[in-house]
Amino acid sequence: MFTLWTLIEASLLCLNAVCILHEERFLAKFGWGRQAGQQDFGAPSAKDQLLHLIRSIRTVAKIPLIFLNIVAIIFKLLLG
């Protein structure tokens, strides 16, 4: 059954996945490391924008994500 809770839980899991990506260990293997997203001129490509989005999410969402995970765990423990 598709409910609002499953949508929130899926987005929380996706945010967790983005936050644990390690640039040197995982993303650099595919050419998506720190040096891949730096251009000197011109409009940024879709790859550069996606790398910037990943870095921004990791920077901004790290602390709130801890509390959201705690709330989700408590909610799952209480309501099943």
N, C-alpha and C. Protein backbone atom coordinates (compact mmCIF):
# COMPACT_ATOMS: atom_id res chain seq x y z
N MET A 1 0.84 -1.17 0.00
CA MET A 1 0.00 0.00 0.00
C MET A 1 0.89 1.24 0.00
N PHE A 2 0.57 2.19 -0.85
CA PHE A 2 1.36 3.41 -1.00
C PHE A 2 0.73 4.51 -0.15
N THR A 3 1.45 4.90 0.90
CA THR A 3 0.94 5.93 1.80
C THR A 3 1.95 7.07 1.87
N LEU A 4 1.58 8.10 2.59
CA LEU A 4 2.47 9.23 2.79
C LEU A 4 3.71 8.79 3.57
N TRP A 5 3.54 7.89 4.52
CA TRP A 5 4.68 7.42 5.30
C TRP A 5 5.69 6.69 4.42
N THR A 6 5.24 5.87 3.48
CA THR A 6 6.18 5.16 2.60
C THR A 6 6.92 6.14 1.70
N LEU A 7 6.27 7.21 1.29
CA LEU A 7 6.93 8.23 0.49
C LEU A 7 8.00 8.96 1.31
N ILE A 8 7.68 9.29 2.56
CA ILE A 8 8.66 9.94 3.44
C ILE A 8 9.81 9.00 3.73
N GLU A 9 9.51 7.74 3.98
CA GLU A 9 10.55 6.77 4.27
C GLU A 9 11.46 6.54 3.07
N ALA A 10 10.90 6.50 1.89
CA ALA A 10 11.71 6.32 0.68
C ALA A 10 12.62 7.53 0.45
N SER A 11 12.12 8.72 0.68
CA SER A 11 12.96 9.91 0.51
C SER A 11 14.05 9.95 1.58
N LEU A 12 13.74 9.51 2.78
CA LEU A 12 14.74 9.45 3.85
C LEU A 12 15.84 8.45 3.50
N LEU A 13 15.48 7.32 2.95
CA LEU A 13 16.47 6.33 2.54
C LEU A 13 17.34 6.85 1.39
N CYS A 14 16.75 7.57 0.47
CA CYS A 14 17.53 8.15 -0.64
C CYS A 14 18.50 9.22 -0.13
N LEU A 15 18.06 10.04 0.81
CA LEU A 15 18.95 11.04 1.40
C LEU A 15 20.09 10.37 2.16
N ASN A 16 19.79 9.29 2.86
CA ASN A 16 20.84 8.54 3.54
C ASN A 16 21.86 8.00 2.54
N ALA A 17 21.37 7.49 1.42
CA ALA A 17 22.26 6.95 0.40
C ALA A 17 23.17 8.03 -0.18
N VAL A 18 22.64 9.21 -0.41
CA VAL A 18 23.45 10.31 -0.95
C VAL A 18 24.48 10.76 0.07
N CYS A 19 24.11 10.78 1.33
CA CYS A 19 25.01 11.27 2.37
C CYS A 19 26.18 10.32 2.64
N ILE A 20 26.03 9.05 2.37
CA ILE A 20 27.12 8.13 2.67
C ILE A 20 28.05 7.90 1.48
N LEU A 21 27.75 8.49 0.33
CA LEU A 21 28.66 8.34 -0.81
C LEU A 21 29.99 9.00 -0.50
N HIS A 22 31.05 8.27 -0.68
CA HIS A 22 32.39 8.78 -0.41
C HIS A 22 33.05 9.11 -1.74
N GLU A 23 33.54 10.34 -1.88
CA GLU A 23 34.07 10.78 -3.16
C GLU A 23 35.31 10.01 -3.59
N GLU A 24 36.25 9.81 -2.69
CA GLU A 24 37.49 9.16 -3.08
C GLU A 24 37.33 7.65 -3.27
N ARG A 25 36.46 7.04 -2.49
CA ARG A 25 36.31 5.58 -2.58
C ARG A 25 35.33 5.13 -3.65
N PHE A 26 34.23 5.83 -3.79
CA PHE A 26 33.18 5.34 -4.68
C PHE A 26 33.05 6.19 -5.93
N LEU A 27 32.88 7.50 -5.77
CA LEU A 27 32.60 8.35 -6.92
C LEU A 27 33.81 8.51 -7.84
N ALA A 28 35.02 8.46 -7.30
CA ALA A 28 36.22 8.62 -8.13
C ALA A 28 36.40 7.44 -9.08
N LYS A 29 35.90 6.29 -8.72
CA LYS A 29 36.00 5.12 -9.60
C LYS A 29 35.26 5.34 -10.92
N PHE A 30 34.22 6.16 -10.87
CA PHE A 30 33.42 6.41 -12.06
C PHE A 30 33.73 7.76 -12.70
N GLY A 31 34.81 8.39 -12.25
CA GLY A 31 35.18 9.69 -12.81
C GLY A 31 34.36 10.83 -12.25
N TRP A 32 33.76 10.64 -11.07
CA TRP A 32 32.92 11.66 -10.46
C TRP A 32 33.54 12.18 -9.18
N GLY A 33 34.87 12.19 -9.11
CA GLY A 33 35.54 12.65 -7.91
C GLY A 33 35.50 14.16 -7.77
N ARG A 34 36.26 14.69 -6.84
CA ARG A 34 36.26 16.12 -6.57
C ARG A 34 36.79 16.92 -7.76
N GLN A 35 37.76 16.40 -8.47
CA GLN A 35 38.35 17.13 -9.58
C GLN A 35 37.47 17.11 -10.83
N ALA A 36 36.52 16.20 -10.91
CA ALA A 36 35.69 16.06 -12.11
C ALA A 36 34.72 17.22 -12.27
N GLY A 37 34.32 17.85 -11.20
CA GLY A 37 33.30 18.87 -11.28
C GLY A 37 33.82 20.28 -11.39
N GLN A 38 35.08 20.47 -11.76
CA GLN A 38 35.64 21.82 -11.79
C GLN A 38 35.89 22.24 -13.24
N GLN A 39 35.23 23.31 -13.63
CA GLN A 39 35.42 23.89 -14.95
C GLN A 39 35.89 25.31 -14.80
N ASP A 40 36.64 25.77 -15.77
CA ASP A 40 37.13 27.14 -15.71
C ASP A 40 36.15 28.13 -16.32
N PHE A 41 35.42 27.71 -17.33
CA PHE A 41 34.52 28.63 -18.02
C PHE A 41 33.34 27.85 -18.60
N GLY A 42 32.34 28.60 -19.04
CA GLY A 42 31.19 27.97 -19.67
C GLY A 42 30.14 27.55 -18.65
N ALA A 43 29.02 27.12 -19.19
CA ALA A 43 27.92 26.66 -18.34
C ALA A 43 28.24 25.27 -17.79
N PRO A 44 27.90 25.02 -16.53
CA PRO A 44 28.19 23.70 -15.97
C PRO A 44 27.32 22.63 -16.61
N SER A 45 27.90 21.47 -16.80
CA SER A 45 27.16 20.36 -17.40
C SER A 45 26.23 19.74 -16.36
N ALA A 46 25.42 18.80 -16.82
CA ALA A 46 24.49 18.12 -15.92
C ALA A 46 25.26 17.31 -14.87
N LYS A 47 26.38 16.73 -15.28
CA LYS A 47 27.22 15.97 -14.35
C LYS A 47 27.78 16.88 -13.26
N ASP A 48 28.25 18.07 -13.65
CA ASP A 48 28.78 19.01 -12.67
C ASP A 48 27.70 19.48 -11.70
N GLN A 49 26.51 19.72 -12.22
CA GLN A 49 25.42 20.14 -11.35
C GLN A 49 25.00 19.03 -10.40
N LEU A 50 25.01 17.79 -10.86
CA LEU A 50 24.67 16.66 -9.99
C LEU A 50 25.71 16.48 -8.90
N LEU A 51 26.99 16.63 -9.25
CA LEU A 51 28.05 16.55 -8.24
C LEU A 51 27.91 17.66 -7.20
N HIS A 52 27.58 18.85 -7.66
CA HIS A 52 27.38 19.96 -6.73
C HIS A 52 26.17 19.69 -5.82
N LEU A 53 25.11 19.12 -6.37
CA LEU A 53 23.93 18.78 -5.58
C LEU A 53 24.28 17.74 -4.51
N ILE A 54 25.07 16.73 -4.87
CA ILE A 54 25.47 15.70 -3.90
C ILE A 54 26.29 16.31 -2.78
N ARG A 55 27.24 17.18 -3.13
CA ARG A 55 28.07 17.83 -2.10
C ARG A 55 27.22 18.73 -1.21
N SER A 56 26.27 19.43 -1.79
CA SER A 56 25.41 20.32 -1.01
C SER A 56 24.52 19.54 -0.05
N ILE A 57 23.97 18.44 -0.53
CA ILE A 57 23.11 17.62 0.34
C ILE A 57 23.91 17.06 1.50
N ARG A 58 25.14 16.60 1.22
CA ARG A 58 25.97 16.06 2.30
C ARG A 58 26.31 17.13 3.32
N THR A 59 26.53 18.35 2.86
CA THR A 59 26.90 19.43 3.77
C THR A 59 25.72 19.89 4.61
N VAL A 60 24.59 20.11 3.99
CA VAL A 60 23.45 20.71 4.66
C VAL A 60 22.61 19.70 5.44
N ALA A 61 22.45 18.51 4.91
CA ALA A 61 21.48 17.57 5.48
C ALA A 61 22.06 16.59 6.49
N LYS A 62 23.34 16.70 6.79
CA LYS A 62 23.95 15.70 7.66
C LYS A 62 23.35 15.69 9.07
N ILE A 63 23.29 16.82 9.73
CA ILE A 63 22.77 16.89 11.10
C ILE A 63 21.26 16.67 11.16
N PRO A 64 20.45 17.35 10.32
CA PRO A 64 19.01 17.07 10.37
C PRO A 64 18.66 15.63 10.03
N LEU A 65 19.48 15.01 9.20
CA LEU A 65 19.22 13.62 8.82
C LEU A 65 19.37 12.67 10.00
N ILE A 66 20.27 12.98 10.91
CA ILE A 66 20.43 12.16 12.12
C ILE A 66 19.14 12.17 12.93
N PHE A 67 18.58 13.35 13.13
CA PHE A 67 17.34 13.45 13.90
C PHE A 67 16.16 12.82 13.17
N LEU A 68 16.10 12.97 11.85
CA LEU A 68 15.02 12.34 11.09
C LEU A 68 15.11 10.83 11.15
N ASN A 69 16.32 10.30 11.14
CA ASN A 69 16.49 8.85 11.27
C ASN A 69 16.05 8.36 12.64
N ILE A 70 16.37 9.12 13.68
CA ILE A 70 15.93 8.75 15.04
C ILE A 70 14.42 8.75 15.13
N VAL A 71 13.78 9.76 14.56
CA VAL A 71 12.31 9.83 14.57
C VAL A 71 11.72 8.65 13.80
N ALA A 72 12.30 8.32 12.65
CA ALA A 72 11.79 7.20 11.86
C ALA A 72 11.95 5.88 12.59
N ILE A 73 13.07 5.70 13.28
CA ILE A 73 13.28 4.47 14.03
C ILE A 73 12.29 4.35 15.19
N ILE A 74 12.09 5.44 15.91
CA ILE A 74 11.12 5.42 17.02
C ILE A 74 9.72 5.16 16.50
N PHE A 75 9.37 5.80 15.40
CA PHE A 75 8.05 5.59 14.79
C PHE A 75 7.85 4.13 14.38
N LYS A 76 8.88 3.53 13.80
CA LYS A 76 8.79 2.14 13.40
C LYS A 76 8.70 1.21 14.61
N LEU A 77 9.43 1.53 15.68
CA LEU A 77 9.37 0.69 16.88
C LEU A 77 8.01 0.75 17.56
N LEU A 78 7.42 1.94 17.58
CA LEU A 78 6.14 2.10 18.27
C LEU A 78 4.96 1.59 17.45
N LEU A 79 4.96 1.88 16.16
CA LEU A 79 3.79 1.55 15.35
C LEU A 79 3.99 0.37 14.41
N GLY A 80 5.18 -0.13 14.33
CA GLY A 80 5.43 -1.33 13.52
C GLY A 80 5.57 -1.14 12.09
